[in-house]
Amino acid sequence: MKSFKRFLLALFLIVIVVGGLVFVLENQQLVTLVFLGWSLPQLPVSVFVLLALLVGLAIGPILGLIASKRRLI
């Protein structure tokens, strides 16, 4: 049973990596992002999308932790 779980985990990780790779390869159009007057250099669309995803993945648990701490007080 343990080897089956490892197999499923490995399969899941492979699907995620292949999906991410396909996303990056399909979104190579260069764009310039302007935010609050700051202009970032031209980068592929996939870079900005993946950065937004990573920032969201980092901020979400932090906000959840803060919300759970506030409920305990």
C-alpha atoms as a PDB file:
ATOM      1  CA  MET A   1       0.000   0.000   0.000  1.00  0.00           C
ATOM      2  CA  LYS A   2       2.881   2.344   0.793  1.00  0.00           C
ATOM      3  CA  SER A   3       4.437   1.851  -2.646  1.00  0.00           C
ATOM      4  CA  PHE A   4       1.055   2.536  -4.285  1.00  0.00           C
ATOM      5  CA  LYS A   5       0.799   5.874  -2.438  1.00  0.00           C
ATOM      6  CA  ARG A   6       4.321   6.768  -3.540  1.00  0.00           C
ATOM      7  CA  PHE A   7       3.420   5.852  -7.110  1.00  0.00           C
ATOM      8  CA  LEU A   8       0.327   8.081  -7.007  1.00  0.00           C
ATOM      9  CA  LEU A   9       2.351  10.935  -5.507  1.00  0.00           C
ATOM     10  CA  ALA A  10       5.029  10.570  -8.183  1.00  0.00           C
ATOM     11  CA  LEU A  11       2.380  10.448 -10.907  1.00  0.00           C
ATOM     12  CA  PHE A  12       0.683  13.544  -9.492  1.00  0.00           C
ATOM     13  CA  LEU A  13       3.984  15.440  -9.350  1.00  0.00           C
ATOM     14  CA  ILE A  14       4.827  14.444 -12.922  1.00  0.00           C
ATOM     15  CA  VAL A  15       1.426  15.681 -14.135  1.00  0.00           C
ATOM     16  CA  ILE A  16       1.930  19.008 -12.310  1.00  0.00           C
ATOM     17  CA  VAL A  17       5.451  19.483 -13.706  1.00  0.00           C
ATOM     18  CA  VAL A  18       4.419  18.596 -17.257  1.00  0.00           C
ATOM     19  CA  GLY A  19       1.408  20.907 -17.009  1.00  0.00           C
ATOM     20  CA  GLY A  20       3.610  23.749 -15.785  1.00  0.00           C
ATOM     21  CA  LEU A  21       6.113  23.128 -18.551  1.00  0.00           C
ATOM     22  CA  VAL A  22       3.387  23.158 -21.211  1.00  0.00           C
ATOM     23  CA  PHE A  23       2.001  26.386 -19.721  1.00  0.00           C
ATOM     24  CA  VAL A  24       5.407  28.079 -19.829  1.00  0.00           C
ATOM     25  CA  LEU A  25       6.121  26.926 -23.371  1.00  0.00           C
ATOM     26  CA  GLU A  26       2.715  28.072 -24.640  1.00  0.00           C
ATOM     27  CA  ASN A  27       2.946  31.562 -23.086  1.00  0.00           C
ATOM     28  CA  GLN A  28       6.173  33.010 -24.434  1.00  0.00           C
ATOM     29  CA  GLN A  29       4.729  36.333 -25.655  1.00  0.00           C
ATOM     30  CA  LEU A  30       6.720  39.247 -24.239  1.00  0.00           C
ATOM     31  CA  VAL A  31       4.768  41.810 -22.225  1.00  0.00           C
ATOM     32  CA  THR A  32       5.672  44.805 -20.088  1.00  0.00           C
ATOM     33  CA  LEU A  33       3.911  45.150 -16.760  1.00  0.00           C
ATOM     34  CA  VAL A  34       3.283  48.667 -15.451  1.00  0.00           C
ATOM     35  CA  PHE A  35       2.149  48.878 -11.829  1.00  0.00           C
ATOM     36  CA  LEU A  36       1.791  52.139  -9.880  1.00  0.00           C
ATOM     37  CA  GLY A  37       4.062  53.908 -12.329  1.00  0.00           C
ATOM     38  CA  TRP A  38       6.780  51.266 -12.147  1.00  0.00           C
ATOM     39  CA  SER A  39       7.557  49.608 -15.446  1.00  0.00           C
ATOM     40  CA  LEU A  40       9.051  46.149 -15.309  1.00  0.00           C
ATOM     41  CA  PRO A  41      11.227  44.792 -18.125  1.00  0.00           C
ATOM     42  CA  GLN A  42       9.700  42.752 -20.904  1.00  0.00           C
ATOM     43  CA  LEU A  43       9.223  39.171 -19.777  1.00  0.00           C
ATOM     44  CA  PRO A  44       7.080  36.279 -21.019  1.00  0.00           C
ATOM     45  CA  VAL A  45       3.469  36.198 -19.819  1.00  0.00           C
ATOM     46  CA  SER A  46       4.159  32.907 -18.047  1.00  0.00           C
ATOM     47  CA  VAL A  47       6.723  34.542 -15.744  1.00  0.00           C
ATOM     48  CA  PHE A  48       4.228  37.104 -14.467  1.00  0.00           C
ATOM     49  CA  VAL A  49       1.481  34.502 -14.034  1.00  0.00           C
ATOM     50  CA  LEU A  50       3.752  32.101 -12.153  1.00  0.00           C
ATOM     51  CA  LEU A  51       5.055  34.926  -9.932  1.00  0.00           C
ATOM     52  CA  ALA A  52       1.474  35.914  -9.104  1.00  0.00           C
ATOM     53  CA  LEU A  53       0.710  32.272  -8.284  1.00  0.00           C
ATOM     54  CA  LEU A  54       3.733  31.959  -5.987  1.00  0.00           C
ATOM     55  CA  VAL A  55       2.928  35.227  -4.190  1.00  0.00           C
ATOM     56  CA  GLY A  56      -0.643  34.042  -3.676  1.00  0.00           C
ATOM     57  CA  LEU A  57       0.556  30.677  -2.384  1.00  0.00           C
ATOM     58  CA  ALA A  58       2.798  32.475   0.105  1.00  0.00           C
ATOM     59  CA  ILE A  59       0.263  35.068   1.264  1.00  0.00           C
ATOM     60  CA  GLY A  60      -2.694  32.678   1.639  1.00  0.00           C
ATOM     61  CA  PRO A  61      -1.292  30.572   4.497  1.00  0.00           C
ATOM     62  CA  ILE A  62       0.053  33.679   6.238  1.00  0.00           C
ATOM     63  CA  LEU A  63      -3.394  35.294   6.219  1.00  0.00           C
ATOM     64  CA  GLY A  64      -4.952  32.019   7.383  1.00  0.00           C
ATOM     65  CA  LEU A  65      -2.498  31.860  10.273  1.00  0.00           C
ATOM     66  CA  ILE A  66      -3.256  35.450  11.259  1.00  0.00           C
ATOM     67  CA  ALA A  67      -7.015  34.786  11.094  1.00  0.00           C
ATOM     68  CA  SER A  68      -6.728  31.670  13.251  1.00  0.00           C
ATOM     69  CA  LYS A  69      -4.592  33.529  15.820  1.00  0.00           C
ATOM     70  CA  ARG A  70      -7.175  36.329  16.017  1.00  0.00           C
ATOM     71  CA  ARG A  71      -9.941  33.800  16.731  1.00  0.00           C
ATOM     72  CA  LEU A  72      -7.991  32.385  19.673  1.00  0.00           C
ATOM     73  CA  ILE A  73      -7.650  35.774  21.381  1.00  0.00           C
END
